[in-house]
């Protein structure tokens, strides 16, 4: 390679201790020394620096610029690729038109852009524009402090947010979006799964899971928690009432809080149909095959035929029967 030939010619030159300035290169106005290497018409080289390529500049101490019209402007900086720029100390820009604008920032890939200190942008068109932000993948963006964005078109736009997956979006503080087209659009929201969505302090886990109200939780494919603090657990479960809970496949909350329960004063009622036989499998809170049992506490009196009854209703029913017997 050209670089290998250059190094060999320097090492075996009878004046190997002198600077190597060739093919129209010149010393920087800042000065150069015997450790400098400059090759290329119109290029400029500084102390201990290396420049290879026409119109390129490596004028800062120990900087490296390789390629046409590259610029390594910070001490110890590296710019490789046509029109690449490493403008601050220890910055690295590799790839055509890549840009490292701040101290210790890294831009790798055509048109990659790392503009704040210690930022990392890897991939064509990737942009890391906040301190310690990381953007990996074509056209990814990490614009929040210490944010992380990985995947084509992914966007981590807020402080300490994380966006992983094709076109995923984490737009608010410490939001997390993981999965293709996942979206966290509220502070501390967590969305995991393809096309999942989580709002403020909410959690959505599963393909197309939605928790789009404050502190809502949705777990399972297409589970939806669409009211404040609602919980939906299971495929297609829907909790659309405030504080409501839906457990199991296709479960759906249907009543708000505050509903009055049934009182046992009706003596002529029969049990038939789905009030007698379940249409779906049971919700288990233990295991009746292995003696694992739990109590369910805090249950209000049931009202409709398919509601659960609590102990207070059973006690009232006992009193009614005793009264009918005349005792």
C-alpha atoms as a PDB file:
ATOM      1  CA  UNK A   1       0.000   0.000   0.000  1.00  0.00           C
ATOM      2  CA  UNK A   2       1.002   3.631  -0.394  1.00  0.00           C
ATOM      3  CA  UNK A   3       1.330   4.080   3.354  1.00  0.00           C
ATOM      4  CA  UNK A   4       3.619   1.026   3.619  1.00  0.00           C
ATOM      5  CA  UNK A   5       5.864   2.329   0.839  1.00  0.00           C
ATOM      6  CA  UNK A   6       6.062   5.699   2.523  1.00  0.00           C
ATOM      7  CA  UNK A   7       7.054   4.190   5.855  1.00  0.00           C
ATOM      8  CA  UNK A   8       9.672   1.945   4.233  1.00  0.00           C
ATOM      9  CA  UNK A   9      11.189   4.853   2.339  1.00  0.00           C
ATOM     10  CA  UNK A  10      11.420   6.839   5.562  1.00  0.00           C
ATOM     11  CA  UNK A  11      12.980   4.052   7.605  1.00  0.00           C
ATOM     12  CA  UNK A  12      15.627   3.273   4.977  1.00  0.00           C
ATOM     13  CA  UNK A  13      16.317   6.877   3.954  1.00  0.00           C
ATOM     14  CA  UNK A  14      19.904   8.069   4.567  1.00  0.00           C
ATOM     15  CA  UNK A  15      18.387  11.061   6.310  1.00  0.00           C
ATOM     16  CA  UNK A  16      15.743   9.119   8.173  1.00  0.00           C
ATOM     17  CA  UNK A  17      15.869  11.507  11.112  1.00  0.00           C
ATOM     18  CA  UNK A  18      14.522  14.381   8.996  1.00  0.00           C
ATOM     19  CA  UNK A  19      10.891  15.250   8.363  1.00  0.00           C
ATOM     20  CA  UNK A  20       9.406  13.603   5.278  1.00  0.00           C
ATOM     21  CA  UNK A  21       7.737  16.308   3.180  1.00  0.00           C
ATOM     22  CA  UNK A  22       6.901  15.328  -0.407  1.00  0.00           C
ATOM     23  CA  UNK A  23       4.710  15.952  -3.464  1.00  0.00           C
ATOM     24  CA  UNK A  24       3.742  19.534  -2.744  1.00  0.00           C
ATOM     25  CA  UNK A  25       3.144  19.179   0.988  1.00  0.00           C
ATOM     26  CA  UNK A  26       4.394  21.918   3.308  1.00  0.00           C
ATOM     27  CA  UNK A  27       5.055  22.555   6.950  1.00  0.00           C
ATOM     28  CA  UNK A  28       2.302  24.091   9.036  1.00  0.00           C
ATOM     29  CA  UNK A  29       2.590  27.693  10.150  1.00  0.00           C
ATOM     30  CA  UNK A  30       2.516  26.206  13.647  1.00  0.00           C
ATOM     31  CA  UNK A  31       5.790  24.473  12.783  1.00  0.00           C
ATOM     32  CA  UNK A  32       6.847  20.859  12.232  1.00  0.00           C
ATOM     33  CA  UNK A  33       9.671  18.632  13.403  1.00  0.00           C
ATOM     34  CA  UNK A  34      11.691  15.627  12.331  1.00  0.00           C
ATOM     35  CA  UNK A  35       8.814  13.288  13.205  1.00  0.00           C
ATOM     36  CA  UNK A  36       6.442  14.886  10.692  1.00  0.00           C
ATOM     37  CA  UNK A  37       5.269  13.201   7.484  1.00  0.00           C
ATOM     38  CA  UNK A  38       3.602  15.212   4.745  1.00  0.00           C
ATOM     39  CA  UNK A  39       2.538  13.957   1.312  1.00  0.00           C
ATOM     40  CA  UNK A  40       0.171  15.615  -1.136  1.00  0.00           C
ATOM     41  CA  UNK A  41      -0.225  18.846  -3.029  1.00  0.00           C
ATOM     42  CA  UNK A  42      -1.422  21.677  -0.847  1.00  0.00           C
ATOM     43  CA  UNK A  43      -1.333  19.605   2.348  1.00  0.00           C
ATOM     44  CA  UNK A  44       0.104  20.948   5.626  1.00  0.00           C
ATOM     45  CA  UNK A  45       1.716  19.016   8.452  1.00  0.00           C
ATOM     46  CA  UNK A  46       2.519  19.949  12.058  1.00  0.00           C
ATOM     47  CA  UNK A  47       4.804  18.617  14.785  1.00  0.00           C
ATOM     48  CA  UNK A  48       4.850  14.825  14.904  1.00  0.00           C
ATOM     49  CA  UNK A  49       1.853  14.766  12.590  1.00  0.00           C
ATOM     50  CA  UNK A  50       1.025  12.756   9.464  1.00  0.00           C
ATOM     51  CA  UNK A  51      -0.811  14.079   6.433  1.00  0.00           C
ATOM     52  CA  UNK A  52      -1.359  12.075   3.250  1.00  0.00           C
ATOM     53  CA  UNK A  53      -3.605  13.495   0.539  1.00  0.00           C
ATOM     54  CA  UNK A  54      -4.090  16.644  -1.476  1.00  0.00           C
ATOM     55  CA  UNK A  55      -5.389  19.746   0.307  1.00  0.00           C
ATOM     56  CA  UNK A  56      -5.408  17.924   3.645  1.00  0.00           C
ATOM     57  CA  UNK A  57      -4.241  19.336   6.976  1.00  0.00           C
ATOM     58  CA  UNK A  58      -2.747  17.752  10.066  1.00  0.00           C
ATOM     59  CA  UNK A  59      -1.388  20.862  11.734  1.00  0.00           C
ATOM     60  CA  UNK A  60      -1.990  19.959  15.372  1.00  0.00           C
ATOM     61  CA  UNK A  61       0.603  18.022  17.354  1.00  0.00           C
ATOM     62  CA  UNK A  62       0.606  14.262  16.580  1.00  0.00           C
ATOM     63  CA  UNK A  63      -2.538  14.534  14.476  1.00  0.00           C
ATOM     64  CA  UNK A  64      -3.244  12.290  11.456  1.00  0.00           C
ATOM     65  CA  UNK A  65      -5.078  13.261   8.270  1.00  0.00           C
ATOM     66  CA  UNK A  66      -5.396  10.775   5.403  1.00  0.00           C
ATOM     67  CA  UNK A  67      -7.463  11.378   2.278  1.00  0.00           C
ATOM     68  CA  UNK A  68      -8.332  14.272   0.023  1.00  0.00           C
ATOM     69  CA  UNK A  69      -9.254  17.491   1.817  1.00  0.00           C
ATOM     70  CA  UNK A  70      -9.232  15.909   5.278  1.00  0.00           C
ATOM     71  CA  UNK A  71      -8.605  17.956   8.416  1.00  0.00           C
ATOM     72  CA  UNK A  72      -7.195  16.773  11.729  1.00  0.00           C
ATOM     73  CA  UNK A  73      -7.276  19.982  13.737  1.00  0.00           C
ATOM     74  CA  UNK A  74      -7.044  18.791  17.340  1.00  0.00           C
ATOM     75  CA  UNK A  75      -3.997  17.433  19.127  1.00  0.00           C
ATOM     76  CA  UNK A  76      -3.839  13.669  18.675  1.00  0.00           C
ATOM     77  CA  UNK A  77      -6.883  13.736  16.405  1.00  0.00           C
ATOM     78  CA  UNK A  78      -7.437  11.387  13.448  1.00  0.00           C
ATOM     79  CA  UNK A  79      -9.305  12.149  10.220  1.00  0.00           C
ATOM     80  CA  UNK A  80      -9.445   9.513   7.477  1.00  0.00           C
ATOM     81  CA  UNK A  81     -11.568   9.812   4.348  1.00  0.00           C
ATOM     82  CA  UNK A  82     -12.391  12.545   1.883  1.00  0.00           C
ATOM     83  CA  UNK A  83     -13.651  15.735   3.527  1.00  0.00           C
ATOM     84  CA  UNK A  84     -13.545  14.198   6.997  1.00  0.00           C
ATOM     85  CA  UNK A  85     -12.902  16.530   9.944  1.00  0.00           C
ATOM     86  CA  UNK A  86     -11.620  15.893  13.476  1.00  0.00           C
ATOM     87  CA  UNK A  87     -11.626  19.381  14.937  1.00  0.00           C
ATOM     88  CA  UNK A  88     -10.850  18.842  18.634  1.00  0.00           C
ATOM     89  CA  UNK A  89      -8.242  17.049  20.721  1.00  0.00           C
ATOM     90  CA  UNK A  90      -8.258  13.248  20.440  1.00  0.00           C
ATOM     91  CA  UNK A  91     -11.277  13.225  18.160  1.00  0.00           C
ATOM     92  CA  UNK A  92     -11.649  10.548  15.472  1.00  0.00           C
ATOM     93  CA  UNK A  93     -13.443  10.884  12.139  1.00  0.00           C
ATOM     94  CA  UNK A  94     -13.290   8.005   9.661  1.00  0.00           C
ATOM     95  CA  UNK A  95     -15.356   7.957   6.483  1.00  0.00           C
ATOM     96  CA  UNK A  96     -16.206  10.401   3.743  1.00  0.00           C
ATOM     97  CA  UNK A  97     -17.538  13.675   5.149  1.00  0.00           C
ATOM     98  CA  UNK A  98     -17.514  12.267   8.678  1.00  0.00           C
ATOM     99  CA  UNK A  99     -17.189  14.876  11.429  1.00  0.00           C
ATOM    100  CA  UNK A 100     -15.852  14.734  14.983  1.00  0.00           C
ATOM    101  CA  UNK A 101     -16.529  18.174  16.450  1.00  0.00           C
ATOM    102  CA  UNK A 102     -15.655  17.811  20.110  1.00  0.00           C
ATOM    103  CA  UNK A 103     -12.990  16.400  22.398  1.00  0.00           C
ATOM    104  CA  UNK A 104     -12.678  12.603  22.318  1.00  0.00           C
ATOM    105  CA  UNK A 105     -15.717  12.220  20.093  1.00  0.00           C
ATOM    106  CA  UNK A 106     -15.804   9.455  17.468  1.00  0.00           C
ATOM    107  CA  UNK A 107     -17.494   9.462  14.060  1.00  0.00           C
ATOM    108  CA  UNK A 108     -17.215   6.334  11.896  1.00  0.00           C
ATOM    109  CA  UNK A 109     -18.976   6.076   8.547  1.00  0.00           C
ATOM    110  CA  UNK A 110     -19.894   8.289   5.633  1.00  0.00           C
ATOM    111  CA  UNK A 111     -21.443  11.527   6.926  1.00  0.00           C
ATOM    112  CA  UNK A 112     -21.357  10.297  10.512  1.00  0.00           C
ATOM    113  CA  UNK A 113     -21.441  13.209  12.942  1.00  0.00           C
ATOM    114  CA  UNK A 114     -20.300  13.310  16.583  1.00  0.00           C
ATOM    115  CA  UNK A 115     -20.647  16.880  17.811  1.00  0.00           C
ATOM    116  CA  UNK A 116     -20.276  16.773  21.604  1.00  0.00           C
ATOM    117  CA  UNK A 117     -17.528  15.531  23.904  1.00  0.00           C
ATOM    118  CA  UNK A 118     -17.144  11.753  24.144  1.00  0.00           C
ATOM    119  CA  UNK A 119     -20.016  11.195  21.731  1.00  0.00           C
ATOM    120  CA  UNK A 120     -19.929   8.188  19.381  1.00  0.00           C
ATOM    121  CA  UNK A 121     -21.582   7.997  15.968  1.00  0.00           C
ATOM    122  CA  UNK A 122     -21.142   4.826  13.918  1.00  0.00           C
ATOM    123  CA  UNK A 123     -22.851   4.279  10.582  1.00  0.00           C
ATOM    124  CA  UNK A 124     -23.730   6.215   7.470  1.00  0.00           C
ATOM    125  CA  UNK A 125     -25.475   9.417   8.496  1.00  0.00           C
ATOM    126  CA  UNK A 126     -25.424   8.537  12.202  1.00  0.00           C
ATOM    127  CA  UNK A 127     -25.559  11.553  14.532  1.00  0.00           C
ATOM    128  CA  UNK A 128     -24.549  11.724  18.201  1.00  0.00           C
ATOM    129  CA  UNK A 129     -25.203  15.312  19.229  1.00  0.00           C
ATOM    130  CA  UNK A 130     -25.063  15.327  23.016  1.00  0.00           C
ATOM    131  CA  UNK A 131     -22.377  14.631  25.617  1.00  0.00           C
ATOM    132  CA  UNK A 132     -21.548  10.903  25.883  1.00  0.00           C
ATOM    133  CA  UNK A 133     -24.330   9.985  23.489  1.00  0.00           C
ATOM    134  CA  UNK A 134     -24.070   6.896  21.262  1.00  0.00           C
ATOM    135  CA  UNK A 135     -25.660   6.433  17.831  1.00  0.00           C
ATOM    136  CA  UNK A 136     -25.045   3.200  15.916  1.00  0.00           C
ATOM    137  CA  UNK A 137     -26.628   2.423  12.556  1.00  0.00           C
ATOM    138  CA  UNK A 138     -27.595   4.226   9.389  1.00  0.00           C
ATOM    139  CA  UNK A 139     -29.355   7.529  10.047  1.00  0.00           C
ATOM    140  CA  UNK A 140     -29.600   6.899  13.786  1.00  0.00           C
ATOM    141  CA  UNK A 141     -29.844   9.861  16.163  1.00  0.00           C
ATOM    142  CA  UNK A 142     -28.807  10.213  19.793  1.00  0.00           C
ATOM    143  CA  UNK A 143     -29.499  13.781  20.882  1.00  0.00           C
ATOM    144  CA  UNK A 144     -30.012  13.405  24.631  1.00  0.00           C
ATOM    145  CA  UNK A 145     -27.291  13.448  27.272  1.00  0.00           C
ATOM    146  CA  UNK A 146     -25.767   9.964  27.593  1.00  0.00           C
ATOM    147  CA  UNK A 147     -28.484   8.573  25.315  1.00  0.00           C
ATOM    148  CA  UNK A 148     -28.103   5.387  23.233  1.00  0.00           C
ATOM    149  CA  UNK A 149     -29.626   4.758  19.829  1.00  0.00           C
ATOM    150  CA  UNK A 150     -29.015   1.573  17.822  1.00  0.00           C
ATOM    151  CA  UNK A 151     -30.708   0.532  14.584  1.00  0.00           C
ATOM    152  CA  UNK A 152     -31.640   2.095  11.272  1.00  0.00           C
ATOM    153  CA  UNK A 153     -33.463   5.367  11.837  1.00  0.00           C
ATOM    154  CA  UNK A 154     -33.597   4.877  15.609  1.00  0.00           C
ATOM    155  CA  UNK A 155     -33.917   8.026  17.725  1.00  0.00           C
ATOM    156  CA  UNK A 156     -32.962   8.596  21.369  1.00  0.00           C
ATOM    157  CA  UNK A 157     -33.949  12.223  21.822  1.00  0.00           C
ATOM    158  CA  UNK A 158     -33.875  12.815  25.573  1.00  0.00           C
ATOM    159  CA  UNK A 159     -31.484  12.602  28.489  1.00  0.00           C
ATOM    160  CA  UNK A 160     -30.356   9.017  29.230  1.00  0.00           C
ATOM    161  CA  UNK A 161     -32.945   7.559  26.875  1.00  0.00           C
ATOM    162  CA  UNK A 162     -32.412   4.252  25.028  1.00  0.00           C
ATOM    163  CA  UNK A 163     -33.714   3.349  21.591  1.00  0.00           C
ATOM    164  CA  UNK A 164     -32.898  -0.065  20.098  1.00  0.00           C
ATOM    165  CA  UNK A 165     -34.398  -1.297  16.849  1.00  0.00           C
ATOM    166  CA  UNK A 166     -35.463  -0.183  13.402  1.00  0.00           C
ATOM    167  CA  UNK A 167     -37.145   3.250  13.600  1.00  0.00           C
ATOM    168  CA  UNK A 168     -37.556   2.931  17.372  1.00  0.00           C
ATOM    169  CA  UNK A 169     -38.190   6.169  19.292  1.00  0.00           C
ATOM    170  CA  UNK A 170     -37.405   7.217  22.864  1.00  0.00           C
ATOM    171  CA  UNK A 171     -38.380  10.873  23.084  1.00  0.00           C
ATOM    172  CA  UNK A 172     -38.503  11.648  26.820  1.00  0.00           C
ATOM    173  CA  UNK A 173     -36.194  11.489  29.846  1.00  0.00           C
ATOM    174  CA  UNK A 174     -34.882   7.975  30.592  1.00  0.00           C
ATOM    175  CA  UNK A 175     -37.389   6.422  28.230  1.00  0.00           C
ATOM    176  CA  UNK A 176     -36.629   2.971  26.821  1.00  0.00           C
ATOM    177  CA  UNK A 177     -37.796   1.682  23.435  1.00  0.00           C
ATOM    178  CA  UNK A 178     -36.630  -1.773  22.346  1.00  0.00           C
ATOM    179  CA  UNK A 179     -37.923  -3.416  19.189  1.00  0.00           C
ATOM    180  CA  UNK A 180     -38.849  -2.523  15.634  1.00  0.00           C
ATOM    181  CA  UNK A 181     -40.984   0.648  15.598  1.00  0.00           C
ATOM    182  CA  UNK A 182     -41.268   0.660  19.376  1.00  0.00           C
ATOM    183  CA  UNK A 183     -42.034   4.026  20.985  1.00  0.00           C
ATOM    184  CA  UNK A 184     -41.451   5.448  24.448  1.00  0.00           C
ATOM    185  CA  UNK A 185     -43.116   8.863  24.407  1.00  0.00           C
ATOM    186  CA  UNK A 186     -43.200   9.763  28.096  1.00  0.00           C
ATOM    187  CA  UNK A 187     -40.667  10.220  30.894  1.00  0.00           C
ATOM    188  CA  UNK A 188     -39.463   6.831  32.203  1.00  0.00           C
ATOM    189  CA  UNK A 189     -41.756   4.935  29.837  1.00  0.00           C
ATOM    190  CA  UNK A 190     -40.596   1.443  28.826  1.00  0.00           C
ATOM    191  CA  UNK A 191     -41.702  -0.143  25.540  1.00  0.00           C
ATOM    192  CA  UNK A 192     -40.348  -3.580  24.624  1.00  0.00           C
ATOM    193  CA  UNK A 193     -41.534  -5.379  21.505  1.00  0.00           C
ATOM    194  CA  UNK A 194     -42.305  -4.633  17.893  1.00  0.00           C
ATOM    195  CA  UNK A 195     -44.658  -1.632  17.562  1.00  0.00           C
ATOM    196  CA  UNK A 196     -45.096  -1.359  21.336  1.00  0.00           C
ATOM    197  CA  UNK A 197     -45.905   2.036  22.904  1.00  0.00           C
ATOM    198  CA  UNK A 198     -45.375   3.353  26.441  1.00  0.00           C
ATOM    199  CA  UNK A 199     -46.282   6.743  27.911  1.00  0.00           C
ATOM    200  CA  UNK A 200     -45.218   8.479  31.148  1.00  0.00           C
ATOM    201  CA  UNK A 201     -43.991   5.981  33.756  1.00  0.00           C
ATOM    202  CA  UNK A 202     -45.798   3.273  31.785  1.00  0.00           C
ATOM    203  CA  UNK A 203     -44.665  -0.209  30.727  1.00  0.00           C
ATOM    204  CA  UNK A 204     -45.606  -2.040  27.521  1.00  0.00           C
ATOM    205  CA  UNK A 205     -44.092  -5.446  26.798  1.00  0.00           C
ATOM    206  CA  UNK A 206     -45.010  -7.533  23.764  1.00  0.00           C
ATOM    207  CA  UNK A 207     -45.702  -7.073  20.077  1.00  0.00           C
ATOM    208  CA  UNK A 208     -48.104  -4.156  19.593  1.00  0.00           C
ATOM    209  CA  UNK A 209     -48.581  -3.795  23.359  1.00  0.00           C
ATOM    210  CA  UNK A 210     -49.870  -0.347  24.323  1.00  0.00           C
ATOM    211  CA  UNK A 211     -49.656   1.474  27.653  1.00  0.00           C
ATOM    212  CA  UNK A 212     -50.476   5.001  26.587  1.00  0.00           C
ATOM    213  CA  UNK A 213     -51.636   6.529  29.846  1.00  0.00           C
ATOM    214  CA  UNK A 214     -49.675   7.551  32.942  1.00  0.00           C
ATOM    215  CA  UNK A 215     -48.360   4.560  34.936  1.00  0.00           C
ATOM    216  CA  UNK A 216     -50.327   2.043  32.882  1.00  0.00           C
ATOM    217  CA  UNK A 217     -48.958  -1.479  32.307  1.00  0.00           C
ATOM    218  CA  UNK A 218     -49.555  -3.801  29.354  1.00  0.00           C
ATOM    219  CA  UNK A 219     -47.955  -7.233  29.028  1.00  0.00           C
ATOM    220  CA  UNK A 220     -48.560  -9.554  26.089  1.00  0.00           C
ATOM    221  CA  UNK A 221     -49.146  -9.358  22.358  1.00  0.00           C
ATOM    222  CA  UNK A 222     -51.655  -6.597  21.584  1.00  0.00           C
ATOM    223  CA  UNK A 223     -52.369  -6.035  25.277  1.00  0.00           C
ATOM    224  CA  UNK A 224     -53.754  -2.549  25.868  1.00  0.00           C
ATOM    225  CA  UNK A 225     -53.742  -0.472  29.036  1.00  0.00           C
ATOM    226  CA  UNK A 226     -55.357   2.765  27.929  1.00  0.00           C
ATOM    227  CA  UNK A 227     -56.382   4.355  31.222  1.00  0.00           C
ATOM    228  CA  UNK A 228     -54.392   5.818  34.095  1.00  0.00           C
ATOM    229  CA  UNK A 229     -52.714   3.107  36.223  1.00  0.00           C
ATOM    230  CA  UNK A 230     -54.604   0.371  34.374  1.00  0.00           C
ATOM    231  CA  UNK A 231     -53.072  -3.102  33.980  1.00  0.00           C
ATOM    232  CA  UNK A 232     -53.586  -5.501  31.076  1.00  0.00           C
ATOM    233  CA  UNK A 233     -51.935  -8.907  31.241  1.00  0.00           C
ATOM    234  CA  UNK A 234     -52.294 -11.366  28.374  1.00  0.00           C
ATOM    235  CA  UNK A 235     -52.760 -11.517  24.622  1.00  0.00           C
ATOM    236  CA  UNK A 236     -55.421  -9.004  23.543  1.00  0.00           C
ATOM    237  CA  UNK A 237     -56.271  -8.123  27.137  1.00  0.00           C
ATOM    238  CA  UNK A 238     -57.722  -4.616  27.446  1.00  0.00           C
ATOM    239  CA  UNK A 239     -57.804  -2.412  30.527  1.00  0.00           C
ATOM    240  CA  UNK A 240     -59.507   0.841  29.574  1.00  0.00           C
ATOM    241  CA  UNK A 241     -60.862   1.889  32.971  1.00  0.00           C
ATOM    242  CA  UNK A 242     -58.874   3.948  35.482  1.00  0.00           C
ATOM    243  CA  UNK A 243     -57.125   1.572  37.925  1.00  0.00           C
ATOM    244  CA  UNK A 244     -58.716  -1.385  36.087  1.00  0.00           C
ATOM    245  CA  UNK A 245     -57.086  -4.811  35.743  1.00  0.00           C
ATOM    246  CA  UNK A 246     -57.602  -7.282  32.891  1.00  0.00           C
ATOM    247  CA  UNK A 247     -56.057 -10.739  33.285  1.00  0.00           C
ATOM    248  CA  UNK A 248     -55.854 -13.304  30.501  1.00  0.00           C
ATOM    249  CA  UNK A 249     -56.553 -13.675  26.795  1.00  0.00           C
ATOM    250  CA  UNK A 250     -59.205 -11.243  25.549  1.00  0.00           C
ATOM    251  CA  UNK A 251     -60.090 -10.087  29.055  1.00  0.00           C
ATOM    252  CA  UNK A 252     -61.519  -6.573  29.178  1.00  0.00           C
ATOM    253  CA  UNK A 253     -62.415  -4.211  31.975  1.00  0.00           C
ATOM    254  CA  UNK A 254     -66.031  -3.086  31.694  1.00  0.00           C
ATOM    255  CA  UNK A 255     -66.868  -1.151  34.845  1.00  0.00           C
ATOM    256  CA  UNK A 256     -65.414   1.789  36.729  1.00  0.00           C
ATOM    257  CA  UNK A 257     -64.800   1.636  40.468  1.00  0.00           C
ATOM    258  CA  UNK A 258     -67.613   2.366  42.938  1.00  0.00           C
ATOM    259  CA  UNK A 259     -70.189  -0.127  41.606  1.00  0.00           C
ATOM    260  CA  UNK A 260     -72.554  -1.452  44.293  1.00  0.00           C
ATOM    261  CA  UNK A 261     -72.604  -5.213  44.755  1.00  0.00           C
ATOM    262  CA  UNK A 262     -75.657  -7.540  44.707  1.00  0.00           C
ATOM    263  CA  UNK A 263     -77.571  -8.040  47.960  1.00  0.00           C
ATOM    264  CA  UNK A 264     -79.016 -11.538  48.595  1.00  0.00           C
ATOM    265  CA  UNK A 265     -82.727 -10.649  48.842  1.00  0.00           C
ATOM    266  CA  UNK A 266     -83.958 -12.350  45.642  1.00  0.00           C
ATOM    267  CA  UNK A 267     -85.339 -15.826  46.431  1.00  0.00           C
ATOM    268  CA  UNK A 268     -86.325 -16.839  42.891  1.00  0.00           C
ATOM    269  CA  UNK A 269     -83.253 -17.036  40.698  1.00  0.00           C
ATOM    270  CA  UNK A 270     -81.700 -19.868  38.675  1.00  0.00           C
ATOM    271  CA  UNK A 271     -78.155 -20.316  37.313  1.00  0.00           C
ATOM    272  CA  UNK A 272     -77.759 -21.239  33.633  1.00  0.00           C
ATOM    273  CA  UNK A 273     -75.548 -20.598  30.591  1.00  0.00           C
ATOM    274  CA  UNK A 274     -72.218 -18.887  30.974  1.00  0.00           C
ATOM    275  CA  UNK A 275     -72.991 -18.047  34.602  1.00  0.00           C
ATOM    276  CA  UNK A 276     -72.843 -21.788  35.262  1.00  0.00           C
ATOM    277  CA  UNK A 277     -70.096 -22.890  32.832  1.00  0.00           C
ATOM    278  CA  UNK A 278     -67.004 -20.832  31.941  1.00  0.00           C
ATOM    279  CA  UNK A 279     -66.394 -19.910  28.297  1.00  0.00           C
ATOM    280  CA  UNK A 280     -62.638 -19.488  28.786  1.00  0.00           C
ATOM    281  CA  UNK A 281     -60.008 -21.127  30.979  1.00  0.00           C
ATOM    282  CA  UNK A 282     -59.719 -20.066  34.603  1.00  0.00           C
ATOM    283  CA  UNK A 283     -57.385 -17.476  36.060  1.00  0.00           C
ATOM    284  CA  UNK A 284     -55.163 -19.293  38.567  1.00  0.00           C
ATOM    285  CA  UNK A 285     -53.670 -17.742  41.687  1.00  0.00           C
ATOM    286  CA  UNK A 286     -52.297 -21.073  42.911  1.00  0.00           C
ATOM    287  CA  UNK A 287     -52.163 -24.726  41.846  1.00  0.00           C
ATOM    288  CA  UNK A 288     -55.015 -27.018  42.882  1.00  0.00           C
ATOM    289  CA  UNK A 289     -53.022 -30.080  41.794  1.00  0.00           C
ATOM    290  CA  UNK A 290     -50.166 -29.467  44.218  1.00  0.00           C
ATOM    291  CA  UNK A 291     -51.839 -27.895  47.263  1.00  0.00           C
ATOM    292  CA  UNK A 292     -50.634 -24.376  46.402  1.00  0.00           C
ATOM    293  CA  UNK A 293     -53.350 -21.962  47.514  1.00  0.00           C
ATOM    294  CA  UNK A 294     -53.701 -18.242  48.077  1.00  0.00           C
ATOM    295  CA  UNK A 295     -56.404 -15.974  49.395  1.00  0.00           C
ATOM    296  CA  UNK A 296     -57.708 -13.147  47.235  1.00  0.00           C
ATOM    297  CA  UNK A 297     -58.182 -10.138  49.474  1.00  0.00           C
ATOM    298  CA  UNK A 298     -59.789  -6.736  49.109  1.00  0.00           C
ATOM    299  CA  UNK A 299     -62.668  -8.002  46.918  1.00  0.00           C
ATOM    300  CA  UNK A 300     -65.790  -5.815  46.751  1.00  0.00           C
ATOM    301  CA  UNK A 301     -69.258  -7.402  46.647  1.00  0.00           C
ATOM    302  CA  UNK A 302     -70.112  -8.710  43.192  1.00  0.00           C
ATOM    303  CA  UNK A 303     -73.082  -7.301  41.292  1.00  0.00           C
ATOM    304  CA  UNK A 304     -73.573  -9.128  38.007  1.00  0.00           C
ATOM    305  CA  UNK A 305     -74.082 -12.860  37.446  1.00  0.00           C
ATOM    306  CA  UNK A 306     -70.456 -13.382  36.394  1.00  0.00           C
ATOM    307  CA  UNK A 307     -68.887 -11.352  39.234  1.00  0.00           C
ATOM    308  CA  UNK A 308     -67.086 -12.895  42.201  1.00  0.00           C
ATOM    309  CA  UNK A 309     -68.908 -12.909  45.546  1.00  0.00           C
ATOM    310  CA  UNK A 310     -67.154 -11.966  48.754  1.00  0.00           C
ATOM    311  CA  UNK A 311     -67.525 -13.368  52.272  1.00  0.00           C
ATOM    312  CA  UNK A 312     -69.794 -10.507  53.358  1.00  0.00           C
ATOM    313  CA  UNK A 313     -72.364 -11.534  50.747  1.00  0.00           C
ATOM    314  CA  UNK A 314     -72.255 -15.125  51.973  1.00  0.00           C
ATOM    315  CA  UNK A 315     -72.802 -13.978  55.545  1.00  0.00           C
ATOM    316  CA  UNK A 316     -75.768 -11.890  54.453  1.00  0.00           C
ATOM    317  CA  UNK A 317     -77.169 -14.871  52.554  1.00  0.00           C
ATOM    318  CA  UNK A 318     -76.901 -17.002  55.722  1.00  0.00           C
ATOM    319  CA  UNK A 319     -78.856 -14.400  57.663  1.00  0.00           C
ATOM    320  CA  UNK A 320     -81.571 -14.354  54.994  1.00  0.00           C
ATOM    321  CA  UNK A 321     -81.952 -18.149  55.093  1.00  0.00           C
ATOM    322  CA  UNK A 322     -82.143 -18.129  58.886  1.00  0.00           C
ATOM    323  CA  UNK A 323     -84.842 -15.489  58.759  1.00  0.00           C
ATOM    324  CA  UNK A 324     -86.940 -17.503  56.302  1.00  0.00           C
ATOM    325  CA  UNK A 325     -86.804 -20.457  58.687  1.00  0.00           C
ATOM    326  CA  UNK A 326     -88.307 -18.406  61.486  1.00  0.00           C
ATOM    327  CA  UNK A 327     -85.292 -18.644  63.783  1.00  0.00           C
END
